[in-house]
Amino acid sequence: MRESDLLCAASHLSNAADNLRAIGLCSLADEIEAFIALLDAEIARLKGAISSKQGSRNVADQFFKK
């Protein structure tokens, strides 16, 4: 093999490695985005539960108010 062939092959391998890294990072970013979406949904659910319980407490406070 000539030196130029080896350099060309090394360049292709380097590009392939960069592509694999980019795919891995994109996949990781997608997983993180999905996890954040789940956390956002859970936060919204908990805020709704808090609001509901505060509403019930306000009604109870008014009922038992002296």
PDB file of N, CA and C in Angstrom:
ATOM      1  N   MET A   1       0.841  -1.187   0.000  1.00  0.00           N
ATOM      2  CA  MET A   1       0.000   0.000   0.000  1.00  0.00           C
ATOM      3  C   MET A   1       0.883   1.246   0.000  1.00  0.00           C
ATOM      4  N   ARG A   2       0.397   2.210  -0.687  1.00  0.00           N
ATOM      5  CA  ARG A   2       1.115   3.479  -0.714  1.00  0.00           C
ATOM      6  C   ARG A   2       0.733   4.312   0.504  1.00  0.00           C
ATOM      7  N   GLU A   3       1.595   5.245   0.797  1.00  0.00           N
ATOM      8  CA  GLU A   3       1.353   6.131   1.939  1.00  0.00           C
ATOM      9  C   GLU A   3       0.080   6.941   1.739  1.00  0.00           C
ATOM     10  N   SER A   4      -0.167   7.370   0.526  1.00  0.00           N
ATOM     11  CA  SER A   4      -1.382   8.153   0.258  1.00  0.00           C
ATOM     12  C   SER A   4      -2.637   7.311   0.476  1.00  0.00           C
ATOM     13  N   ASP A   5      -2.567   6.006   0.133  1.00  0.00           N
ATOM     14  CA  ASP A   5      -3.706   5.108   0.374  1.00  0.00           C
ATOM     15  C   ASP A   5      -3.952   4.945   1.875  1.00  0.00           C
ATOM     16  N   LEU A   6      -2.870   4.815   2.624  1.00  0.00           N
ATOM     17  CA  LEU A   6      -3.001   4.683   4.074  1.00  0.00           C
ATOM     18  C   LEU A   6      -3.588   5.948   4.692  1.00  0.00           C
ATOM     19  N   LEU A   7      -3.145   7.096   4.222  1.00  0.00           N
ATOM     20  CA  LEU A   7      -3.679   8.364   4.733  1.00  0.00           C
ATOM     21  C   LEU A   7      -5.156   8.513   4.384  1.00  0.00           C
ATOM     22  N   CYS A   8      -5.516   8.102   3.177  1.00  0.00           N
ATOM     23  CA  CYS A   8      -6.923   8.160   2.761  1.00  0.00           C
ATOM     24  C   CYS A   8      -7.775   7.235   3.623  1.00  0.00           C
ATOM     25  N   ALA A   9      -7.282   6.021   3.864  1.00  0.00           N
ATOM     26  CA  ALA A   9      -8.014   5.077   4.707  1.00  0.00           C
ATOM     27  C   ALA A   9      -8.132   5.606   6.131  1.00  0.00           C
ATOM     28  N   ALA A  10      -7.064   6.188   6.645  1.00  0.00           N
ATOM     29  CA  ALA A  10      -7.093   6.758   7.994  1.00  0.00           C
ATOM     30  C   ALA A  10      -8.097   7.896   8.070  1.00  0.00           C
ATOM     31  N   SER A  11      -8.177   8.699   7.015  1.00  0.00           N
ATOM     32  CA  SER A  11      -9.129   9.800   6.976  1.00  0.00           C
ATOM     33  C   SER A  11     -10.561   9.271   6.997  1.00  0.00           C
ATOM     34  N   HIS A  12     -10.816   8.223   6.218  1.00  0.00           N
ATOM     35  CA  HIS A  12     -12.157   7.623   6.192  1.00  0.00           C
ATOM     36  C   HIS A  12     -12.527   7.041   7.559  1.00  0.00           C
ATOM     37  N   LEU A  13     -11.562   6.382   8.195  1.00  0.00           N
ATOM     38  CA  LEU A  13     -11.813   5.829   9.525  1.00  0.00           C
ATOM     39  C   LEU A  13     -12.088   6.943  10.535  1.00  0.00           C
ATOM     40  N   SER A  14     -11.353   8.018  10.426  1.00  0.00           N
ATOM     41  CA  SER A  14     -11.557   9.150  11.319  1.00  0.00           C
ATOM     42  C   SER A  14     -12.948   9.757  11.118  1.00  0.00           C
ATOM     43  N   ASN A  15     -13.351   9.910   9.845  1.00  0.00           N
ATOM     44  CA  ASN A  15     -14.682  10.436   9.552  1.00  0.00           C
ATOM     45  C   ASN A  15     -15.763   9.499  10.077  1.00  0.00           C
ATOM     46  N   ALA A  16     -15.561   8.198   9.914  1.00  0.00           N
ATOM     47  CA  ALA A  16     -16.535   7.220  10.407  1.00  0.00           C
ATOM     48  C   ALA A  16     -16.642   7.297  11.922  1.00  0.00           C
ATOM     49  N   ALA A  17     -15.518   7.439  12.593  1.00  0.00           N
ATOM     50  CA  ALA A  17     -15.526   7.557  14.053  1.00  0.00           C
ATOM     51  C   ALA A  17     -16.251   8.822  14.480  1.00  0.00           C
ATOM     52  N   ASP A  18     -16.006   9.916  13.766  1.00  0.00           N
ATOM     53  CA  ASP A  18     -16.714  11.170  14.079  1.00  0.00           C
ATOM     54  C   ASP A  18     -18.219  11.014  13.880  1.00  0.00           C
ATOM     55  N   ASN A  19     -18.608  10.322  12.813  1.00  0.00           N
ATOM     56  CA  ASN A  19     -20.034  10.099  12.559  1.00  0.00           C
ATOM     57  C   ASN A  19     -20.666   9.262  13.670  1.00  0.00           C
ATOM     58  N   LEU A  20     -19.960   8.228  14.108  1.00  0.00           N
ATOM     59  CA  LEU A  20     -20.479   7.391  15.189  1.00  0.00           C
ATOM     60  C   LEU A  20     -20.610   8.193  16.479  1.00  0.00           C
ATOM     61  N   ARG A  21     -19.634   9.041  16.755  1.00  0.00           N
ATOM     62  CA  ARG A  21     -19.722   9.884  17.954  1.00  0.00           C
ATOM     63  C   ARG A  21     -20.919  10.818  17.860  1.00  0.00           C
ATOM     64  N   ALA A  22     -21.109  11.410  16.697  1.00  0.00           N
ATOM     65  CA  ALA A  22     -22.228  12.328  16.507  1.00  0.00           C
ATOM     66  C   ALA A  22     -23.556  11.604  16.681  1.00  0.00           C
ATOM     67  N   ILE A  23     -23.655  10.404  16.143  1.00  0.00           N
ATOM     68  CA  ILE A  23     -24.881   9.621  16.302  1.00  0.00           C
ATOM     69  C   ILE A  23     -25.110   9.293  17.767  1.00  0.00           C
ATOM     70  N   GLY A  24     -24.057   8.923  18.451  1.00  0.00           N
ATOM     71  CA  GLY A  24     -24.174   8.609  19.878  1.00  0.00           C
ATOM     72  C   GLY A  24     -24.633   9.812  20.674  1.00  0.00           C
ATOM     73  N   LEU A  25     -24.092  10.972  20.365  1.00  0.00           N
ATOM     74  CA  LEU A  25     -24.486  12.187  21.073  1.00  0.00           C
ATOM     75  C   LEU A  25     -25.913  12.575  20.746  1.00  0.00           C
ATOM     76  N   CYS A  26     -26.303  12.395  19.486  1.00  0.00           N
ATOM     77  CA  CYS A  26     -27.684  12.704  19.109  1.00  0.00           C
ATOM     78  C   CYS A  26     -28.649  11.772  19.821  1.00  0.00           C
ATOM     79  N   SER A  27     -28.273  10.513  19.890  1.00  0.00           N
ATOM     80  CA  SER A  27     -29.114   9.544  20.583  1.00  0.00           C
ATOM     81  C   SER A  27     -29.218   9.897  22.061  1.00  0.00           C
ATOM     82  N   LEU A  28     -28.097  10.271  22.646  1.00  0.00           N
ATOM     83  CA  LEU A  28     -28.095  10.667  24.047  1.00  0.00           C
ATOM     84  C   LEU A  28     -28.938  11.911  24.251  1.00  0.00           C
ATOM     85  N   ALA A  29     -28.821  12.867  23.353  1.00  0.00           N
ATOM     86  CA  ALA A  29     -29.615  14.094  23.445  1.00  0.00           C
ATOM     87  C   ALA A  29     -31.100  13.771  23.346  1.00  0.00           C
ATOM     88  N   ASP A  30     -31.475  12.839  22.461  1.00  0.00           N
ATOM     89  CA  ASP A  30     -32.880  12.438  22.333  1.00  0.00           C
ATOM     90  C   ASP A  30     -33.382  11.793  23.621  1.00  0.00           C
ATOM     91  N   GLU A  31     -32.540  10.956  24.222  1.00  0.00           N
ATOM     92  CA  GLU A  31     -32.922  10.316  25.485  1.00  0.00           C
ATOM     93  C   GLU A  31     -33.095  11.347  26.590  1.00  0.00           C
ATOM     94  N   ILE A  32     -32.210  12.323  26.642  1.00  0.00           N
ATOM     95  CA  ILE A  32     -32.305  13.375  27.657  1.00  0.00           C
ATOM     96  C   ILE A  32     -33.565  14.205  27.436  1.00  0.00           C
ATOM     97  N   GLU A  33     -33.861  14.545  26.175  1.00  0.00           N
ATOM     98  CA  GLU A  33     -35.077  15.310  25.864  1.00  0.00           C
ATOM     99  C   GLU A  33     -36.323  14.529  26.273  1.00  0.00           C
ATOM    100  N   ALA A  34     -36.331  13.229  26.023  1.00  0.00           N
ATOM    101  CA  ALA A  34     -37.473  12.402  26.411  1.00  0.00           C
ATOM    102  C   ALA A  34     -37.612  12.357  27.927  1.00  0.00           C
ATOM    103  N   PHE A  35     -36.501  12.260  28.633  1.00  0.00           N
ATOM    104  CA  PHE A  35     -36.526  12.235  30.098  1.00  0.00           C
ATOM    105  C   PHE A  35     -37.031  13.563  30.644  1.00  0.00           C
ATOM    106  N   ILE A  36     -36.591  14.657  30.047  1.00  0.00           N
ATOM    107  CA  ILE A  36     -37.051  15.984  30.467  1.00  0.00           C
ATOM    108  C   ILE A  36     -38.553  16.109  30.236  1.00  0.00           C
ATOM    109  N   ALA A  37     -39.037  15.594  29.115  1.00  0.00           N
ATOM    110  CA  ALA A  37     -40.474  15.627  28.833  1.00  0.00           C
ATOM    111  C   ALA A  37     -41.250  14.844  29.896  1.00  0.00           C
ATOM    112  N   LEU A  38     -40.729  13.692  30.300  1.00  0.00           N
ATOM    113  CA  LEU A  38     -41.378  12.920  31.363  1.00  0.00           C
ATOM    114  C   LEU A  38     -41.391  13.693  32.673  1.00  0.00           C
ATOM    115  N   LEU A  39     -40.273  14.344  32.983  1.00  0.00           N
ATOM    116  CA  LEU A  39     -40.201  15.136  34.213  1.00  0.00           C
ATOM    117  C   LEU A  39     -41.169  16.312  34.158  1.00  0.00           C
ATOM    118  N   ASP A  40     -41.262  16.970  32.998  1.00  0.00           N
ATOM    119  CA  ASP A  40     -42.206  18.081  32.848  1.00  0.00           C
ATOM    120  C   ASP A  40     -43.640  17.609  33.057  1.00  0.00           C
ATOM    121  N   ALA A  41     -43.968  16.447  32.509  1.00  0.00           N
ATOM    122  CA  ALA A  41     -45.317  15.895  32.681  1.00  0.00           C
ATOM    123  C   ALA A  41     -45.584  15.577  34.154  1.00  0.00           C
ATOM    124  N   GLU A  42     -44.609  15.029  34.833  1.00  0.00           N
ATOM    125  CA  GLU A  42     -44.774  14.707  36.258  1.00  0.00           C
ATOM    126  C   GLU A  42     -44.918  15.985  37.087  1.00  0.00           C
ATOM    127  N   ILE A  43     -44.147  17.009  36.752  1.00  0.00           N
ATOM    128  CA  ILE A  43     -44.255  18.291  37.455  1.00  0.00           C
ATOM    129  C   ILE A  43     -45.651  18.873  37.258  1.00  0.00           C
ATOM    130  N   ALA A  44     -46.160  18.832  36.037  1.00  0.00           N
ATOM    131  CA  ALA A  44     -47.506  19.349  35.762  1.00  0.00           C
ATOM    132  C   ALA A  44     -48.552  18.560  36.551  1.00  0.00           C
ATOM    133  N   ARG A  45     -48.398  17.242  36.606  1.00  0.00           N
ATOM    134  CA  ARG A  45     -49.349  16.410  37.353  1.00  0.00           C
ATOM    135  C   ARG A  45     -49.326  16.764  38.835  1.00  0.00           C
ATOM    136  N   LEU A  46     -48.133  16.927  39.394  1.00  0.00           N
ATOM    137  CA  LEU A  46     -48.005  17.252  40.811  1.00  0.00           C
ATOM    138  C   LEU A  46     -48.534  18.650  41.122  1.00  0.00           C
ATOM    139  N   LYS A  47     -48.310  19.602  40.215  1.00  0.00           N
ATOM    140  CA  LYS A  47     -48.869  20.939  40.419  1.00  0.00           C
ATOM    141  C   LYS A  47     -50.391  20.894  40.419  1.00  0.00           C
ATOM    142  N   GLY A  48     -50.960  20.075  39.542  1.00  0.00           N
ATOM    143  CA  GLY A  48     -52.417  19.888  39.526  1.00  0.00           C
ATOM    144  C   GLY A  48     -52.912  19.277  40.824  1.00  0.00           C
ATOM    145  N   ALA A  49     -52.194  18.302  41.344  1.00  0.00           N
ATOM    146  CA  ALA A  49     -52.579  17.670  42.607  1.00  0.00           C
ATOM    147  C   ALA A  49     -52.488  18.670  43.757  1.00  0.00           C
ATOM    148  N   ILE A  50     -51.458  19.492  43.752  1.00  0.00           N
ATOM    149  CA  ILE A  50     -51.308  20.511  44.799  1.00  0.00           C
ATOM    150  C   ILE A  50     -52.466  21.496  44.737  1.00  0.00           C
ATOM    151  N   SER A  51     -52.792  21.957  43.536  1.00  0.00           N
ATOM    152  CA  SER A  51     -53.905  22.903  43.377  1.00  0.00           C
ATOM    153  C   SER A  51     -55.212  22.303  43.858  1.00  0.00           C
ATOM    154  N   SER A  52     -55.439  21.049  43.522  1.00  0.00           N
ATOM    155  CA  SER A  52     -56.662  20.372  43.949  1.00  0.00           C
ATOM    156  C   SER A  52     -56.734  20.274  45.472  1.00  0.00           C
ATOM    157  N   LYS A  53     -55.624  19.906  46.084  1.00  0.00           N
ATOM    158  CA  LYS A  53     -55.602  19.772  47.549  1.00  0.00           C
ATOM    159  C   LYS A  53     -55.728  21.129  48.233  1.00  0.00           C
ATOM    160  N   GLN A  54     -55.143  22.164  47.634  1.00  0.00           N
ATOM    161  CA  GLN A  54     -55.293  23.499  48.209  1.00  0.00           C
ATOM    162  C   GLN A  54     -56.749  23.955  48.108  1.00  0.00           C
ATOM    163  N   GLY A  55     -57.377  23.632  46.998  1.00  0.00           N
ATOM    164  CA  GLY A  55     -58.796  23.972  46.847  1.00  0.00           C
ATOM    165  C   GLY A  55     -59.648  23.269  47.885  1.00  0.00           C
ATOM    166  N   SER A  56     -59.384  21.992  48.101  1.00  0.00           N
ATOM    167  CA  SER A  56     -60.131  21.238  49.121  1.00  0.00           C
ATOM    168  C   SER A  56     -59.879  21.810  50.501  1.00  0.00           C
ATOM    169  N   ARG A  57     -58.650  22.202  50.751  1.00  0.00           N
ATOM    170  CA  ARG A  57     -58.321  22.774  52.059  1.00  0.00           C
ATOM    171  C   ARG A  57     -59.036  24.109  52.255  1.00  0.00           C
ATOM    172  N   ASN A  58     -59.081  24.927  51.204  1.00  0.00           N
ATOM    173  CA  ASN A  58     -59.775  26.205  51.304  1.00  0.00           C
ATOM    174  C   ASN A  58     -61.254  25.995  51.606  1.00  0.00           C
ATOM    175  N   VAL A  59     -61.869  25.014  50.954  1.00  0.00           N
ATOM    176  CA  VAL A  59     -63.282  24.720  51.220  1.00  0.00           C
ATOM    177  C   VAL A  59     -63.448  24.265  52.673  1.00  0.00           C
ATOM    178  N   ALA A  60     -62.578  23.399  53.154  1.00  0.00           N
ATOM    179  CA  ALA A  60     -62.656  22.915  54.536  1.00  0.00           C
ATOM    180  C   ALA A  60     -62.436  24.063  55.512  1.00  0.00           C
ATOM    181  N   ASP A  61     -61.470  24.939  55.214  1.00  0.00           N
ATOM    182  CA  ASP A  61     -61.233  26.082  56.100  1.00  0.00           C
ATOM    183  C   ASP A  61     -62.456  26.982  56.192  1.00  0.00           C
ATOM    184  N   GLN A  62     -63.115  27.206  55.067  1.00  0.00           N
ATOM    185  CA  GLN A  62     -64.326  28.039  55.076  1.00  0.00           C
ATOM    186  C   GLN A  62     -65.451  27.356  55.850  1.00  0.00           C
ATOM    187  N   PHE A  63     -65.573  26.047  55.709  1.00  0.00           N
ATOM    188  CA  PHE A  63     -66.641  25.312  56.384  1.00  0.00           C
ATOM    189  C   PHE A  63     -66.450  25.323  57.899  1.00  0.00           C
ATOM    190  N   PHE A  64     -65.212  25.161  58.359  1.00  0.00           N
ATOM    191  CA  PHE A  64     -64.937  25.087  59.784  1.00  0.00           C
ATOM    192  C   PHE A  64     -64.543  26.418  60.383  1.00  0.00           C
ATOM    193  N   LYS A  65     -64.639  27.490  59.611  1.00  0.00           N
ATOM    194  CA  LYS A  65     -64.265  28.817  60.077  1.00  0.00           C
ATOM    195  C   LYS A  65     -65.217  29.240  61.200  1.00  0.00           C
ATOM    196  N   LYS A  66     -64.686  29.832  62.233  1.00  0.00           N
ATOM    197  CA  LYS A  66     -65.507  30.265  63.377  1.00  0.00           C
ATOM    198  C   LYS A  66     -66.084  31.620  63.142  1.00  0.00           C
TER     199      LYS A  66
END
